[in-house]
Amino acid sequence: MLPQTFVSDFGKSLGDYATFIDPNNNQFEVMVERIRDSVFLTTGFNVIRDFYDVRLGGTIVIVFTSAEQFGINVINRSGRVVDPPLFIPSMKFEIEKTIVPAFAYEGIWSQVKSSHSIMMSVIFKSGGRSI
């Protein structure tokens, strides 16, 4: 779930999908869903977790750079920034939109309650996508 302060300021500018880009330009498409006054990152966000092998105590820092893009850095539980893998060309993960269920957020409340293994930080930033 994105912080309510962020949602109040920028929630209306978010589309149904956002792209998360790491310092090596690896790209991850993530579904953005709204439930009541809350905004959740659902389908596709687990790919970032798996790609970086984020474990208990790890942090995914996301930086809002535009209506459809976020920059990301991953910090391990020792407090060190995880170097993103370098691929040439960069990896690009996209959601197969023909198979996304109409309500991809089913069961999200139980996921939110049990997602103590990953802490997510949102940093407000205008312009640029570097982090």
N, C-alpha and C. Protein backbone atom coordinates (compact mmCIF):
# COMPACT_ATOMS: atom_id res chain seq x y z
N MET A 1 0.85 -1.17 0.00
CA MET A 1 0.00 0.00 0.00
C MET A 1 0.90 1.23 0.00
N LEU A 2 0.56 2.18 -0.85
CA LEU A 2 1.31 3.43 -0.88
C LEU A 2 0.85 4.32 0.28
N PRO A 3 1.76 5.11 0.85
CA PRO A 3 1.39 5.99 1.98
C PRO A 3 0.28 6.96 1.60
N GLN A 4 -0.61 7.21 2.53
CA GLN A 4 -1.77 8.06 2.29
C GLN A 4 -1.36 9.48 1.88
N THR A 5 -0.28 10.00 2.43
CA THR A 5 0.19 11.33 2.06
C THR A 5 0.53 11.38 0.58
N PHE A 6 1.21 10.35 0.09
CA PHE A 6 1.55 10.26 -1.32
C PHE A 6 0.29 10.17 -2.17
N VAL A 7 -0.64 9.32 -1.75
CA VAL A 7 -1.89 9.14 -2.49
C VAL A 7 -2.67 10.45 -2.56
N SER A 8 -2.71 11.19 -1.46
CA SER A 8 -3.42 12.47 -1.45
C SER A 8 -2.82 13.45 -2.45
N ASP A 9 -1.49 13.48 -2.53
CA ASP A 9 -0.81 14.43 -3.40
C ASP A 9 -0.74 13.98 -4.86
N PHE A 10 -0.52 12.69 -5.10
CA PHE A 10 -0.23 12.23 -6.45
C PHE A 10 -1.12 11.10 -6.95
N GLY A 11 -2.00 10.58 -6.11
CA GLY A 11 -2.80 9.41 -6.47
C GLY A 11 -3.61 9.56 -7.74
N LYS A 12 -4.15 10.75 -7.98
CA LYS A 12 -4.97 10.96 -9.17
C LYS A 12 -4.15 10.95 -10.46
N SER A 13 -2.85 11.20 -10.34
CA SER A 13 -2.00 11.21 -11.53
C SER A 13 -1.48 9.82 -11.90
N LEU A 14 -1.69 8.84 -11.02
CA LEU A 14 -1.25 7.48 -11.31
C LEU A 14 -2.22 6.78 -12.24
N GLY A 15 -1.69 6.05 -13.21
CA GLY A 15 -2.52 5.26 -14.09
C GLY A 15 -2.78 3.89 -13.50
N ASP A 16 -3.21 2.97 -14.32
CA ASP A 16 -3.46 1.60 -13.87
C ASP A 16 -2.17 0.78 -13.80
N TYR A 17 -1.11 1.26 -14.45
CA TYR A 17 0.18 0.58 -14.45
C TYR A 17 1.27 1.61 -14.23
N ALA A 18 2.35 1.19 -13.59
CA ALA A 18 3.52 2.04 -13.41
C ALA A 18 4.76 1.20 -13.72
N THR A 19 5.80 1.87 -14.18
CA THR A 19 7.06 1.20 -14.47
C THR A 19 8.08 1.59 -13.42
N PHE A 20 8.72 0.59 -12.84
CA PHE A 20 9.76 0.79 -11.83
C PHE A 20 11.10 0.52 -12.52
N ILE A 21 12.03 1.48 -12.41
CA ILE A 21 13.30 1.41 -13.15
C ILE A 21 14.46 1.49 -12.18
N ASP A 22 15.36 0.51 -12.26
CA ASP A 22 16.53 0.51 -11.37
C ASP A 22 17.69 1.28 -12.02
N PRO A 23 18.79 1.50 -11.29
CA PRO A 23 19.91 2.28 -11.83
C PRO A 23 20.54 1.69 -13.11
N ASN A 24 20.35 0.41 -13.39
CA ASN A 24 20.86 -0.19 -14.62
C ASN A 24 19.80 -0.28 -15.71
N ASN A 25 18.72 0.46 -15.52
CA ASN A 25 17.63 0.56 -16.48
C ASN A 25 16.84 -0.74 -16.66
N ASN A 26 16.92 -1.66 -15.71
CA ASN A 26 16.01 -2.81 -15.70
C ASN A 26 14.63 -2.27 -15.36
N GLN A 27 13.60 -2.71 -16.07
CA GLN A 27 12.26 -2.14 -15.92
C GLN A 27 11.26 -3.21 -15.51
N PHE A 28 10.38 -2.81 -14.58
CA PHE A 28 9.38 -3.71 -14.04
C PHE A 28 8.01 -3.03 -14.11
N GLU A 29 7.09 -3.60 -14.86
CA GLU A 29 5.74 -3.06 -14.93
C GLU A 29 4.93 -3.63 -13.77
N VAL A 30 4.21 -2.75 -13.07
CA VAL A 30 3.44 -3.13 -11.90
C VAL A 30 2.03 -2.55 -12.02
N MET A 31 1.04 -3.36 -11.65
CA MET A 31 -0.34 -2.88 -11.66
C MET A 31 -0.60 -2.01 -10.44
N VAL A 32 -1.29 -0.89 -10.66
CA VAL A 32 -1.66 0.05 -9.60
C VAL A 32 -3.17 -0.09 -9.41
N GLU A 33 -3.58 -0.46 -8.21
CA GLU A 33 -5.01 -0.66 -7.96
C GLU A 33 -5.49 0.20 -6.81
N ARG A 34 -6.73 0.63 -6.93
CA ARG A 34 -7.35 1.47 -5.92
C ARG A 34 -8.47 0.70 -5.22
N ILE A 35 -8.45 0.76 -3.90
CA ILE A 35 -9.52 0.18 -3.09
C ILE A 35 -9.89 1.26 -2.09
N ARG A 36 -11.11 1.72 -2.21
CA ARG A 36 -11.57 2.84 -1.40
C ARG A 36 -10.61 4.01 -1.60
N ASP A 37 -10.01 4.53 -0.56
CA ASP A 37 -9.08 5.66 -0.68
C ASP A 37 -7.62 5.22 -0.65
N SER A 38 -7.37 3.94 -0.82
CA SER A 38 -6.01 3.41 -0.76
C SER A 38 -5.55 3.00 -2.15
N VAL A 39 -4.22 3.03 -2.35
CA VAL A 39 -3.62 2.61 -3.61
C VAL A 39 -2.61 1.51 -3.32
N PHE A 40 -2.71 0.41 -4.07
CA PHE A 40 -1.86 -0.76 -3.87
C PHE A 40 -1.06 -1.05 -5.12
N LEU A 41 0.14 -1.55 -4.93
CA LEU A 41 0.97 -2.07 -6.02
C LEU A 41 0.77 -3.58 -5.99
N THR A 42 0.15 -4.14 -7.02
CA THR A 42 -0.23 -5.55 -6.96
C THR A 42 0.55 -6.37 -8.00
N THR A 43 -0.12 -6.83 -9.01
CA THR A 43 0.48 -7.72 -10.00
C THR A 43 1.78 -7.13 -10.53
N GLY A 44 2.83 -7.91 -10.48
CA GLY A 44 4.13 -7.48 -10.99
C GLY A 44 5.11 -7.03 -9.93
N PHE A 45 4.62 -6.58 -8.76
CA PHE A 45 5.54 -6.09 -7.73
C PHE A 45 6.40 -7.23 -7.17
N ASN A 46 5.84 -8.42 -7.13
CA ASN A 46 6.60 -9.57 -6.63
C ASN A 46 7.80 -9.89 -7.52
N VAL A 47 7.77 -9.48 -8.78
CA VAL A 47 8.90 -9.71 -9.68
C VAL A 47 10.13 -8.94 -9.19
N ILE A 48 9.91 -7.72 -8.70
CA ILE A 48 11.02 -6.93 -8.16
C ILE A 48 11.61 -7.65 -6.96
N ARG A 49 10.75 -8.11 -6.06
CA ARG A 49 11.21 -8.84 -4.88
C ARG A 49 12.02 -10.07 -5.26
N ASP A 50 11.52 -10.82 -6.23
CA ASP A 50 12.21 -12.04 -6.66
C ASP A 50 13.50 -11.72 -7.43
N PHE A 51 13.48 -10.72 -8.28
CA PHE A 51 14.64 -10.33 -9.09
C PHE A 51 15.82 -9.97 -8.19
N TYR A 52 15.54 -9.25 -7.11
CA TYR A 52 16.58 -8.82 -6.18
C TYR A 52 16.76 -9.77 -5.00
N ASP A 53 15.92 -10.79 -4.92
CA ASP A 53 15.96 -11.74 -3.81
C ASP A 53 15.85 -11.01 -2.46
N VAL A 54 14.86 -10.12 -2.37
CA VAL A 54 14.64 -9.35 -1.15
C VAL A 54 14.14 -10.28 -0.06
N ARG A 55 14.80 -10.26 1.07
CA ARG A 55 14.47 -11.13 2.20
C ARG A 55 14.01 -10.30 3.39
N LEU A 56 13.72 -10.98 4.49
CA LEU A 56 13.31 -10.34 5.73
C LEU A 56 14.29 -9.22 6.08
N GLY A 57 13.76 -8.03 6.30
CA GLY A 57 14.59 -6.89 6.67
C GLY A 57 15.08 -6.07 5.49
N GLY A 58 14.84 -6.55 4.28
CA GLY A 58 15.23 -5.80 3.09
C GLY A 58 14.26 -4.65 2.84
N THR A 59 14.73 -3.65 2.13
CA THR A 59 13.91 -2.47 1.84
C THR A 59 13.96 -2.16 0.36
N ILE A 60 12.81 -1.94 -0.23
CA ILE A 60 12.74 -1.46 -1.60
C ILE A 60 12.39 0.02 -1.51
N VAL A 61 13.32 0.87 -1.90
CA VAL A 61 13.10 2.32 -1.87
C VAL A 61 12.60 2.73 -3.25
N ILE A 62 11.44 3.37 -3.29
CA ILE A 62 10.90 3.81 -4.58
C ILE A 62 10.84 5.33 -4.59
N VAL A 63 11.19 5.89 -5.73
CA VAL A 63 11.22 7.34 -5.92
C VAL A 63 10.26 7.70 -7.04
N PHE A 64 9.24 8.47 -6.74
CA PHE A 64 8.25 8.88 -7.74
C PHE A 64 8.90 9.91 -8.65
N THR A 65 8.97 9.59 -9.96
CA THR A 65 9.60 10.50 -10.90
C THR A 65 8.62 11.09 -11.91
N SER A 66 7.53 10.39 -12.19
CA SER A 66 6.48 10.90 -13.08
C SER A 66 5.22 10.07 -12.86
N ALA A 67 4.16 10.43 -13.57
CA ALA A 67 2.87 9.76 -13.36
C ALA A 67 2.92 8.26 -13.59
N GLU A 68 3.83 7.79 -14.40
CA GLU A 68 3.87 6.36 -14.70
C GLU A 68 5.21 5.73 -14.40
N GLN A 69 6.11 6.45 -13.72
CA GLN A 69 7.43 5.89 -13.46
C GLN A 69 7.91 6.14 -12.04
N PHE A 70 8.60 5.14 -11.52
CA PHE A 70 9.26 5.23 -10.22
C PHE A 70 10.69 4.72 -10.41
N GLY A 71 11.64 5.35 -9.75
CA GLY A 71 12.98 4.81 -9.67
C GLY A 71 13.04 3.90 -8.45
N ILE A 72 13.90 2.89 -8.47
CA ILE A 72 14.02 1.99 -7.32
C ILE A 72 15.48 1.75 -6.96
N ASN A 73 15.69 1.55 -5.69
CA ASN A 73 16.94 1.02 -5.13
C ASN A 73 16.53 -0.02 -4.11
N VAL A 74 17.36 -1.03 -3.95
CA VAL A 74 17.10 -2.07 -2.96
C VAL A 74 18.21 -2.04 -1.93
N ILE A 75 17.81 -2.09 -0.67
CA ILE A 75 18.76 -2.08 0.44
C ILE A 75 18.59 -3.38 1.21
N ASN A 76 19.71 -4.09 1.44
CA ASN A 76 19.61 -5.35 2.17
C ASN A 76 19.49 -5.07 3.67
N ARG A 77 19.30 -6.11 4.44
CA ARG A 77 19.06 -5.90 5.87
C ARG A 77 20.29 -5.42 6.62
N SER A 78 21.45 -5.44 5.97
CA SER A 78 22.66 -4.87 6.56
C SER A 78 22.77 -3.38 6.29
N GLY A 79 21.83 -2.84 5.53
CA GLY A 79 21.83 -1.42 5.22
C GLY A 79 22.63 -1.05 3.98
N ARG A 80 23.06 -2.04 3.23
CA ARG A 80 23.84 -1.79 2.01
C ARG A 80 22.93 -1.79 0.79
N VAL A 81 23.22 -0.86 -0.13
CA VAL A 81 22.48 -0.83 -1.40
C VAL A 81 22.90 -2.04 -2.23
N VAL A 82 21.91 -2.74 -2.74
CA VAL A 82 22.16 -3.92 -3.58
C VAL A 82 22.42 -3.44 -5.00
N ASP A 83 23.55 -3.83 -5.57
CA ASP A 83 23.85 -3.48 -6.95
C ASP A 83 22.91 -4.24 -7.87
N PRO A 84 22.21 -3.51 -8.75
CA PRO A 84 21.31 -4.21 -9.66
C PRO A 84 22.09 -5.01 -10.70
N PRO A 85 21.59 -6.15 -11.10
CA PRO A 85 22.27 -6.93 -12.13
C PRO A 85 22.36 -6.13 -13.43
N LEU A 86 23.45 -6.30 -14.13
CA LEU A 86 23.65 -5.61 -15.41
C LEU A 86 23.36 -6.58 -16.54
N PHE A 87 22.41 -6.22 -17.38
CA PHE A 87 22.08 -6.99 -18.57
C PHE A 87 22.18 -6.07 -19.77
N ILE A 88 22.68 -6.59 -20.87
CA ILE A 88 22.75 -5.81 -22.10
C ILE A 88 22.02 -6.60 -23.17
N PRO A 89 20.89 -6.14 -23.64
CA PRO A 89 20.16 -4.96 -23.19
C PRO A 89 19.53 -5.20 -21.81
N SER A 90 19.05 -4.12 -21.21
CA SER A 90 18.43 -4.20 -19.88
C SER A 90 17.20 -5.10 -19.91
N MET A 91 16.89 -5.69 -18.75
CA MET A 91 15.70 -6.54 -18.62
C MET A 91 14.46 -5.65 -18.60
N LYS A 92 13.38 -6.15 -19.18
CA LYS A 92 12.11 -5.43 -19.17
C LYS A 92 11.00 -6.43 -18.88
N PHE A 93 10.40 -6.31 -17.70
CA PHE A 93 9.33 -7.21 -17.28
C PHE A 93 8.00 -6.50 -17.48
N GLU A 94 7.13 -7.09 -18.28
CA GLU A 94 5.82 -6.51 -18.53
C GLU A 94 4.73 -7.48 -18.10
N ILE A 95 3.60 -6.92 -17.70
CA ILE A 95 2.45 -7.73 -17.31
C ILE A 95 1.71 -8.16 -18.56
N GLU A 96 1.36 -9.43 -18.62
CA GLU A 96 0.54 -9.94 -19.72
C GLU A 96 -0.89 -9.49 -19.43
N LYS A 97 -1.32 -8.45 -20.08
CA LYS A 97 -2.61 -7.83 -19.76
C LYS A 97 -3.82 -8.65 -20.16
N THR A 98 -3.65 -9.62 -21.01
CA THR A 98 -4.80 -10.43 -21.41
C THR A 98 -5.18 -11.45 -20.34
N ILE A 99 -4.29 -11.69 -19.34
CA ILE A 99 -4.61 -12.69 -18.32
C ILE A 99 -4.77 -12.09 -16.93
N VAL A 100 -4.70 -10.76 -16.80
CA VAL A 100 -4.88 -10.13 -15.49
C VAL A 100 -6.35 -10.21 -15.14
N PRO A 101 -6.69 -10.78 -13.96
CA PRO A 101 -8.10 -10.90 -13.58
C PRO A 101 -8.73 -9.53 -13.38
N ALA A 102 -10.04 -9.48 -13.51
CA ALA A 102 -10.76 -8.21 -13.34
C ALA A 102 -10.52 -7.61 -11.97
N PHE A 103 -10.38 -8.46 -10.96
CA PHE A 103 -10.11 -7.99 -9.60
C PHE A 103 -8.85 -8.66 -9.10
N ALA A 104 -7.70 -8.15 -9.52
CA ALA A 104 -6.42 -8.76 -9.16
C ALA A 104 -6.09 -8.58 -7.69
N TYR A 105 -6.84 -7.73 -6.99
CA TYR A 105 -6.52 -7.43 -5.60
C TYR A 105 -7.23 -8.36 -4.62
N GLU A 106 -7.94 -9.37 -5.09
CA GLU A 106 -8.62 -10.27 -4.16
C GLU A 106 -7.63 -10.83 -3.16
N GLY A 107 -7.96 -10.76 -1.91
CA GLY A 107 -7.10 -11.28 -0.86
C GLY A 107 -5.98 -10.33 -0.48
N ILE A 108 -6.00 -9.10 -1.00
CA ILE A 108 -4.89 -8.19 -0.73
C ILE A 108 -4.81 -7.81 0.75
N TRP A 109 -5.92 -7.75 1.44
CA TRP A 109 -5.87 -7.37 2.85
C TRP A 109 -5.07 -8.38 3.65
N SER A 110 -5.22 -9.67 3.35
CA SER A 110 -4.44 -10.66 4.08
C SER A 110 -2.96 -10.56 3.69
N GLN A 111 -2.67 -10.20 2.43
CA GLN A 111 -1.29 -10.02 2.01
C GLN A 111 -0.66 -8.83 2.73
N VAL A 112 -1.42 -7.75 2.88
CA VAL A 112 -0.90 -6.56 3.56
C VAL A 112 -0.58 -6.89 5.01
N LYS A 113 -1.46 -7.62 5.67
CA LYS A 113 -1.24 -7.96 7.07
C LYS A 113 -0.04 -8.89 7.25
N SER A 114 0.22 -9.73 6.25
CA SER A 114 1.29 -10.70 6.41
C SER A 114 2.58 -10.31 5.69
N SER A 115 2.66 -9.09 5.18
CA SER A 115 3.84 -8.71 4.40
C SER A 115 4.88 -8.00 5.26
N HIS A 116 5.17 -8.54 6.41
CA HIS A 116 6.16 -7.94 7.30
C HIS A 116 7.59 -8.15 6.81
N SER A 117 7.79 -8.98 5.79
CA SER A 117 9.14 -9.29 5.34
C SER A 117 9.75 -8.20 4.48
N ILE A 118 8.93 -7.31 3.92
CA ILE A 118 9.47 -6.27 3.06
C ILE A 118 8.97 -4.91 3.52
N MET A 119 9.90 -4.00 3.71
CA MET A 119 9.53 -2.62 4.04
C MET A 119 9.66 -1.81 2.77
N MET A 120 8.70 -0.96 2.48
CA MET A 120 8.76 -0.15 1.28
C MET A 120 8.77 1.32 1.68
N SER A 121 9.71 2.07 1.15
CA SER A 121 9.81 3.50 1.41
C SER A 121 9.47 4.24 0.13
N VAL A 122 8.73 5.33 0.27
CA VAL A 122 8.41 6.16 -0.87
C VAL A 122 9.08 7.51 -0.65
N ILE A 123 9.86 7.96 -1.63
CA ILE A 123 10.53 9.24 -1.55
C ILE A 123 9.90 10.13 -2.61
N PHE A 124 9.50 11.33 -2.22
CA PHE A 124 8.89 12.25 -3.16
C PHE A 124 10.00 13.00 -3.88
N LYS A 125 9.94 13.03 -5.20
CA LYS A 125 10.95 13.71 -6.00
C LYS A 125 10.30 14.18 -7.28
N SER A 126 10.64 15.35 -7.72
CA SER A 126 10.08 15.83 -8.97
C SER A 126 11.13 15.79 -10.06
N GLY A 127 10.71 15.40 -11.24
CA GLY A 127 11.60 15.38 -12.40
C GLY A 127 12.63 14.28 -12.36
N GLY A 128 13.18 13.95 -13.52
CA GLY A 128 14.26 12.98 -13.62
C GLY A 128 13.90 11.62 -13.07
N ARG A 129 14.65 10.61 -13.47
CA ARG A 129 14.37 9.29 -12.91
C ARG A 129 15.59 8.71 -12.24
N SER A 130 16.63 9.50 -12.06
CA SER A 130 17.80 8.97 -11.37
C SER A 130 17.57 8.95 -9.87
N ILE A 131 18.17 7.98 -9.21
CA ILE A 131 18.04 7.86 -7.76
C ILE A 131 19.40 7.71 -7.13
